[in-house]
Amino acid sequence: MTDKETRLGIYERMYRIFRTDESMRQQIMKGAVSVIYYSPRGQEGIPAAVSAALTADDYITTTYRGLHDTIAKGAPLKEVIAEIIGRSTGTSKGKGGIMHLNDPRVGVMATSGIVGGGVPIANGLALRSQMTGSPNVTVTYFGDGASNIGAFHESLNMAAVWKLPVVFVCQNNEYGEFTPRMESMNVKEVATRASSYGMPGVTVNGNDPDAMYDAARTAVERARAGEGPTLIEAMTYRFMGHVFGVDTMEYMPKEEMAAAMANDPVPAYRQRLIDQGATSEDEIAALEARVDAEVAEAVEFALNSPPPDPADTYTDVYAEVVPA
C-alpha cells in the first residue's frame, strides 16, 4: 500500500481543491465577483493522485475545467484565484481567467479553452524533453468529449510512434458539455482506443485516489524510462453544471447524480484514511484547518488586488515589432 505521507499529501491536495472551489462558488453566488467559472467538484481525486506521482519539474496541460489540475500541481492559490477573478496579481496578470490558467514555475504549461486543445501541446512538451534528454514527463488532462476530436487521435498516434514521455489522462465525467457520453461514441471505454495506436490503455476509478495513484505512477515511470505513452481513463462525475450558475443540469438524471454524490471522493477518502489508520481525526482536522486558512487568505488577497491597468491591454498579447 502507498505510504502514509503520500496518501495524506493526496488528501491535502483534494481538500485544497474542494475548499477553493467552494469559496469561488460562494463569491459568485453572493455577487462579490462576476466571472465565467467551471467547477471541478467531484473530480478532485484525479489530479491530486496524479500529481503525487510527478516531480515539481514535470509538466501538465489541461482544459478550462482544470482548476483542480492546476492547484494539484502546486500553483499558488493567491495568484490562481486572482487570475480567475481578473486581477493584475493573477498568474496571467488577470487577462486569462479560468480558461487560460498557467504557471510554468510549477509546470502548469497551458490551459486551453478549446476542447482537447492541450493534448497536442503536451506532445510538443514531451518531444522537447525527449530531444533534450530531460527526464521531465508531461501529463495532459482532458474530458471524455475531447476523445472524439481529431487532435486527440493524431496526438496519440504521434506519441506512440515517437515513444514520447507523455501520459494522457481522460477525466471521464460521463458528459461532454450537455451530451451523455454514450450518445457521442460507440465504445464503452475510452481506454480501449489506446490499442489502435499500440499503447497501454487502462480504465480506473478516478474517485479512488489510491487506485488512481497506482495507475499514474506506473504510467509516469514508463514514460520516464523512455517506454512511451499511456492512456488513463479516470471514471468520475461532475457535481455541478457545465458552466456554474448557468446550467440547470436537467439533462443529468436525478438518481444518477444522487448515486455519484453518495460516493463523494473527498469525504470518502478522508474516512478511508482514518479507518485504515493512516491518520487520525485530530491530525486530519489540523490539516484541514491549515488549508482553510490558506484558502481564506488567498481569497482576501485576490479580492483586494487591483484589476489590470487598461494601459496594459496589448502587453503580453502581441510581440513587439522593432523596426529594422
Protein backbone atom coordinates (compact mmCIF):
# COMPACT_ATOMS: atom_id res chain seq x y z
CA MET A 1 0.00 0.00 0.00
CA THR A 2 1.11 3.58 -0.68
CA ASP A 3 2.90 5.17 2.29
CA LYS A 4 1.08 7.43 4.75
CA GLU A 5 2.89 10.61 3.73
CA THR A 6 1.91 10.20 0.07
CA ARG A 7 -1.71 9.43 0.90
CA LEU A 8 -2.00 12.40 3.25
CA GLY A 9 -0.45 14.57 0.54
CA ILE A 10 -3.10 13.37 -1.88
CA TYR A 11 -5.88 14.18 0.58
CA GLU A 12 -4.41 17.61 1.26
CA ARG A 13 -4.47 18.38 -2.46
CA MET A 14 -8.05 17.12 -2.70
CA TYR A 15 -9.19 19.21 0.24
CA ARG A 16 -7.40 22.33 -1.08
CA ILE A 17 -9.20 21.92 -4.40
CA PHE A 18 -12.53 21.31 -2.65
CA ARG A 19 -12.24 24.39 -0.42
CA THR A 20 -11.03 26.63 -3.24
CA ASP A 21 -13.92 25.58 -5.47
CA GLU A 22 -16.38 26.03 -2.62
CA SER A 23 -15.03 29.51 -1.91
CA MET A 24 -15.18 30.50 -5.58
CA ARG A 25 -18.80 29.43 -5.85
CA GLN A 26 -19.65 31.33 -2.67
CA GLN A 27 -18.08 34.52 -4.02
CA ILE A 28 -20.05 34.19 -7.25
CA MET A 29 -23.34 33.39 -5.54
CA LYS A 30 -23.16 36.36 -3.18
CA GLY A 31 -22.24 38.70 -6.03
CA ALA A 32 -18.74 39.57 -4.87
CA VAL A 33 -17.41 38.62 -8.32
CA SER A 34 -18.98 38.05 -11.73
CA VAL A 35 -16.95 35.60 -13.80
CA ILE A 36 -17.29 32.56 -16.02
CA TYR A 37 -16.49 29.56 -13.84
CA TYR A 38 -16.19 25.82 -14.47
CA SER A 39 -16.40 23.83 -11.25
CA PRO A 40 -14.30 20.66 -10.90
CA ARG A 41 -16.38 19.47 -7.93
CA GLY A 42 -16.42 15.68 -7.77
CA GLN A 43 -13.20 15.23 -9.74
CA GLU A 44 -10.70 16.26 -7.04
CA GLY A 45 -9.09 12.86 -6.60
CA ILE A 46 -7.78 12.51 -10.14
CA PRO A 47 -5.13 15.26 -10.36
CA ALA A 48 -4.43 15.02 -6.62
CA ALA A 49 -3.29 11.43 -7.12
CA VAL A 50 -1.56 12.02 -10.46
CA SER A 51 0.42 14.98 -9.10
CA ALA A 52 1.64 12.80 -6.23
CA ALA A 53 3.36 10.66 -8.89
CA LEU A 54 5.02 13.66 -10.56
CA THR A 55 8.05 15.77 -9.74
CA ALA A 56 7.97 19.54 -9.39
CA ASP A 57 9.69 19.80 -12.80
CA ASP A 58 7.19 17.66 -14.72
CA TYR A 59 4.66 19.39 -16.98
CA ILE A 60 0.90 19.38 -17.32
CA THR A 61 -1.59 20.79 -19.81
CA THR A 62 -5.28 20.96 -19.12
CA THR A 63 -8.64 22.31 -20.19
CA TYR A 64 -10.95 25.07 -18.98
CA ARG A 65 -12.33 22.78 -16.24
CA GLY A 66 -8.80 22.48 -14.95
CA LEU A 67 -8.71 24.44 -11.70
CA HIS A 68 -8.18 21.19 -9.80
CA ASP A 69 -5.34 20.14 -12.11
CA THR A 70 -3.62 23.50 -11.65
CA ILE A 71 -3.94 23.51 -7.86
CA ALA A 72 -2.84 19.88 -7.57
CA LYS A 73 0.35 20.65 -9.50
CA GLY A 74 1.25 23.32 -6.95
CA ALA A 75 0.24 26.67 -8.43
CA PRO A 76 -0.04 29.31 -5.66
CA LEU A 77 -3.65 29.83 -4.59
CA LYS A 78 -3.41 33.60 -4.25
CA GLU A 79 -2.35 34.04 -7.85
CA VAL A 80 -4.71 31.37 -9.18
CA ILE A 81 -7.79 32.93 -7.59
CA ALA A 82 -6.66 36.41 -8.60
CA GLU A 83 -6.41 35.20 -12.19
CA ILE A 84 -9.86 33.65 -12.16
CA ILE A 85 -11.48 36.89 -10.98
CA GLY A 86 -9.43 39.04 -13.36
CA ARG A 87 -6.94 40.78 -11.09
CA SER A 88 -3.49 42.04 -12.03
CA THR A 89 -1.81 39.82 -9.42
CA GLY A 90 -3.02 36.69 -11.23
CA THR A 91 -0.85 34.12 -12.96
CA SER A 92 -1.55 35.81 -16.32
CA LYS A 93 -1.99 39.31 -14.86
CA GLY A 94 -5.75 38.86 -14.81
CA LYS A 95 -6.10 38.63 -18.58
CA GLY A 96 -6.57 34.87 -18.99
CA GLY A 97 -9.18 33.85 -16.47
CA ILE A 98 -10.05 30.24 -15.75
CA MET A 99 -9.76 29.30 -19.44
CA HIS A 100 -6.10 30.24 -19.55
CA LEU A 101 -4.60 29.37 -16.18
CA ASN A 102 -0.90 28.68 -16.43
CA ASP A 103 2.18 28.84 -14.24
CA PRO A 104 5.37 27.47 -15.83
CA ARG A 105 7.14 27.89 -12.48
CA VAL A 106 5.33 24.76 -11.27
CA GLY A 107 4.93 23.06 -14.64
CA VAL A 108 1.39 24.22 -15.47
CA MET A 109 2.25 24.96 -19.08
CA ALA A 110 -1.10 25.53 -20.79
CA THR A 111 -4.83 25.63 -20.13
CA SER A 112 -6.84 25.64 -23.33
CA GLY A 113 -10.33 27.00 -23.84
CA ILE A 114 -10.59 24.72 -26.87
CA VAL A 115 -11.86 21.20 -26.18
CA GLY A 116 -8.81 18.92 -26.32
CA GLY A 117 -6.56 21.85 -27.22
CA GLY A 118 -3.96 20.94 -24.62
CA VAL A 119 -3.42 17.41 -25.96
CA PRO A 120 -1.18 18.22 -28.95
CA ILE A 121 0.61 20.88 -26.86
CA ALA A 122 1.52 18.12 -24.42
CA ASN A 123 3.15 16.20 -27.27
CA GLY A 124 5.27 19.25 -28.04
CA LEU A 125 6.41 19.49 -24.43
CA ALA A 126 7.16 15.77 -24.34
CA LEU A 127 9.09 16.00 -27.61
CA ARG A 128 11.23 18.76 -26.12
CA SER A 129 12.02 16.53 -23.12
CA GLN A 130 12.95 13.69 -25.45
CA MET A 131 15.12 15.81 -27.72
CA THR A 132 17.00 17.50 -24.86
CA GLY A 133 17.44 14.37 -22.78
CA SER A 134 15.34 15.85 -19.98
CA PRO A 135 13.69 13.42 -17.53
CA ASN A 136 10.55 15.53 -17.46
CA VAL A 137 7.23 13.79 -18.15
CA THR A 138 4.15 15.61 -19.44
CA VAL A 139 0.61 14.79 -18.31
CA THR A 140 -2.31 16.11 -20.32
CA TYR A 141 -5.81 16.23 -18.85
CA PHE A 142 -8.98 16.33 -20.95
CA GLY A 143 -12.60 15.18 -20.82
CA ASP A 144 -14.38 12.30 -22.48
CA GLY A 145 -15.79 14.61 -25.14
CA ALA A 146 -12.27 15.53 -26.24
CA SER A 147 -11.55 11.90 -27.07
CA ASN A 148 -13.77 12.31 -30.14
CA ILE A 149 -11.81 15.11 -31.80
CA GLY A 150 -9.15 14.64 -34.44
CA ALA A 151 -6.35 16.20 -32.40
CA PHE A 152 -6.77 13.53 -29.73
CA HIS A 153 -6.30 10.68 -32.20
CA GLU A 154 -3.47 12.38 -34.06
CA SER A 155 -1.69 13.08 -30.78
CA LEU A 156 -2.00 9.51 -29.52
CA ASN A 157 -0.67 8.18 -32.80
CA MET A 158 2.30 10.55 -32.83
CA ALA A 159 3.13 9.91 -29.17
CA ALA A 160 3.07 6.17 -29.73
CA VAL A 161 5.19 6.27 -32.90
CA TRP A 162 7.81 8.51 -31.31
CA LYS A 163 7.55 6.97 -27.80
CA LEU A 164 7.06 10.37 -26.26
CA PRO A 165 7.18 10.72 -22.46
CA VAL A 166 3.55 11.74 -22.12
CA VAL A 167 0.58 10.44 -20.12
CA PHE A 168 -2.90 11.07 -21.49
CA VAL A 169 -5.46 11.35 -18.67
CA CYS A 170 -9.11 11.36 -19.71
CA GLN A 171 -11.27 12.63 -16.85
CA ASN A 172 -14.41 10.82 -17.92
CA ASN A 173 -17.27 12.55 -16.10
CA GLU A 174 -19.86 10.99 -18.46
CA TYR A 175 -20.92 14.25 -20.13
CA GLY A 176 -19.47 16.27 -22.99
CA GLU A 177 -20.95 19.63 -22.00
CA PHE A 178 -24.67 18.65 -22.06
CA THR A 179 -24.44 15.40 -24.04
CA PRO A 180 -24.34 11.98 -22.31
CA ARG A 181 -21.17 10.20 -23.33
CA MET A 182 -22.79 7.17 -24.94
CA GLU A 183 -24.72 9.41 -27.32
CA SER A 184 -21.48 10.58 -28.92
CA MET A 185 -19.33 7.43 -29.05
CA ASN A 186 -19.78 3.74 -29.67
CA VAL A 187 -17.07 2.37 -27.38
CA LYS A 188 -17.88 1.60 -23.77
CA GLU A 189 -14.44 2.58 -22.52
CA VAL A 190 -12.31 5.42 -23.90
CA ALA A 191 -9.22 3.48 -22.81
CA THR A 192 -9.83 0.84 -25.49
CA ARG A 193 -8.91 3.45 -28.09
CA ALA A 194 -5.29 3.19 -26.95
CA SER A 195 -4.90 -0.21 -28.58
CA SER A 196 -5.45 1.37 -32.00
CA TYR A 197 -2.16 3.19 -31.56
CA GLY A 198 -0.15 0.49 -29.85
CA MET A 199 -0.01 1.95 -26.36
CA PRO A 200 -1.32 0.75 -22.99
CA GLY A 201 -4.80 1.91 -22.05
CA VAL A 202 -6.31 1.48 -18.60
CA THR A 203 -9.66 2.39 -17.07
CA VAL A 204 -9.50 3.38 -13.40
CA ASN A 205 -11.99 4.53 -10.78
CA GLY A 206 -10.93 8.18 -10.74
CA ASN A 207 -12.73 8.68 -7.43
CA ASP A 208 -10.44 6.13 -5.76
CA PRO A 209 -7.24 8.12 -5.13
CA ASP A 210 -5.22 5.03 -4.22
CA ALA A 211 -6.10 3.24 -7.46
CA MET A 212 -5.56 6.45 -9.38
CA TYR A 213 -2.11 6.93 -7.85
CA ASP A 214 -1.05 3.38 -8.68
CA ALA A 215 -2.11 3.79 -12.32
CA ALA A 216 -0.46 7.19 -12.61
CA ARG A 217 2.80 6.05 -11.03
CA THR A 218 3.03 3.10 -13.43
CA ALA A 219 2.37 5.32 -16.45
CA VAL A 220 4.77 8.07 -15.32
CA GLU A 221 7.55 5.60 -14.60
CA ARG A 222 7.03 4.02 -18.00
CA ALA A 223 7.20 7.39 -19.74
CA ARG A 224 10.27 8.47 -17.78
CA ALA A 225 12.04 5.25 -18.70
CA GLY A 226 11.60 6.01 -22.40
CA GLU A 227 8.96 3.36 -22.97
CA GLY A 228 6.36 5.74 -24.36
CA PRO A 229 2.87 6.99 -23.57
CA THR A 230 -0.12 5.60 -21.69
CA LEU A 231 -3.81 6.47 -21.87
CA ILE A 232 -5.53 6.52 -18.48
CA GLU A 233 -9.31 6.79 -18.40
CA ALA A 234 -10.33 8.05 -14.96
CA MET A 235 -14.03 7.43 -14.34
CA THR A 236 -15.67 10.20 -12.34
CA TYR A 237 -18.68 12.52 -12.25
CA ARG A 238 -19.13 16.26 -12.01
CA PHE A 239 -21.43 17.57 -9.30
CA MET A 240 -22.06 20.95 -10.92
CA GLY A 241 -23.31 22.04 -14.32
CA HIS A 242 -21.11 22.60 -17.33
CA VAL A 243 -20.91 26.33 -16.53
CA PHE A 244 -21.60 27.24 -12.92
CA GLY A 245 -24.69 29.35 -12.38
CA VAL A 246 -26.00 28.96 -15.93
CA ASP A 247 -26.51 25.23 -16.45
CA THR A 248 -29.70 23.82 -14.86
CA MET A 249 -28.37 20.23 -15.10
CA GLU A 250 -31.78 18.91 -16.17
CA TYR A 251 -30.10 16.54 -18.61
CA MET A 252 -28.44 14.66 -15.71
CA PRO A 253 -30.79 12.01 -14.23
CA LYS A 254 -31.50 12.74 -10.56
CA GLU A 255 -30.85 9.16 -9.46
CA GLU A 256 -27.53 9.15 -11.32
CA MET A 257 -26.48 12.38 -9.62
CA ALA A 258 -27.60 11.11 -6.20
CA ALA A 259 -25.54 7.94 -6.59
CA ALA A 260 -22.47 9.92 -7.59
CA MET A 261 -22.78 12.36 -4.71
CA ALA A 262 -23.25 9.48 -2.26
CA ASN A 263 -19.72 8.45 -3.27
CA ASP A 264 -18.24 11.95 -2.97
CA PRO A 265 -14.47 11.29 -3.22
CA VAL A 266 -13.41 13.93 -0.66
CA PRO A 267 -15.21 12.69 2.48
CA ALA A 268 -14.87 9.09 1.29
CA TYR A 269 -11.08 9.25 1.10
CA ARG A 270 -10.93 11.16 4.39
CA GLN A 271 -12.82 8.39 6.14
CA ARG A 272 -10.76 5.67 4.45
CA LEU A 273 -7.52 7.18 5.72
CA ILE A 274 -8.89 7.28 9.27
CA ASP A 275 -10.37 3.78 9.13
CA GLN A 276 -7.12 2.31 7.80
CA GLY A 277 -5.01 4.04 10.45
CA ALA A 278 -3.18 6.30 8.00
CA THR A 279 -4.20 9.34 10.05
CA SER A 280 -6.33 10.38 12.98
CA GLU A 281 -9.33 12.68 13.26
CA ASP A 282 -7.20 15.24 15.10
CA GLU A 283 -4.39 15.11 12.54
CA ILE A 284 -6.66 15.46 9.54
CA ALA A 285 -8.70 18.20 11.21
CA ALA A 286 -5.48 20.17 11.79
CA LEU A 287 -4.57 19.72 8.11
CA GLU A 288 -7.99 20.97 7.07
CA ALA A 289 -7.80 23.99 9.38
CA ARG A 290 -4.47 24.95 7.86
CA VAL A 291 -5.85 24.67 4.32
CA ASP A 292 -9.00 26.60 5.31
CA ALA A 293 -6.82 29.48 6.49
CA GLU A 294 -4.72 29.30 3.33
CA VAL A 295 -7.79 29.50 1.09
CA ALA A 296 -9.37 32.33 3.09
CA GLU A 297 -6.14 34.33 2.87
CA ALA A 298 -5.91 33.68 -0.88
CA VAL A 299 -9.49 34.84 -1.49
CA GLU A 300 -8.91 38.02 0.52
CA PHE A 301 -5.69 38.69 -1.38
CA ALA A 302 -7.44 38.26 -4.73
CA LEU A 303 -10.44 40.39 -3.84
CA ASN A 304 -8.18 43.20 -2.64
CA SER A 305 -5.98 43.10 -5.73
CA PRO A 306 -6.48 45.71 -8.48
CA PRO A 307 -7.76 44.89 -11.97
CA PRO A 308 -5.32 45.05 -14.89
CA ASP A 309 -4.30 48.55 -15.97
CA PRO A 310 -6.05 49.46 -19.26
CA ALA A 311 -2.65 50.66 -20.48
CA ASP A 312 -1.52 47.01 -20.44
CA THR A 313 -4.27 45.85 -22.80
CA TYR A 314 -1.82 44.79 -25.51
CA THR A 315 1.08 43.86 -23.21
CA ASP A 316 1.93 40.15 -23.50
CA VAL A 317 -0.66 39.79 -26.26
CA TYR A 318 1.29 40.69 -29.38
CA ALA A 319 5.02 40.54 -29.97
CA GLU A 320 6.64 43.95 -30.02
CA VAL A 321 7.81 44.75 -33.53
CA VAL A 322 11.12 46.56 -33.58
CA PRO A 323 11.79 48.47 -36.84
CA ALA A 324 14.85 47.25 -38.73
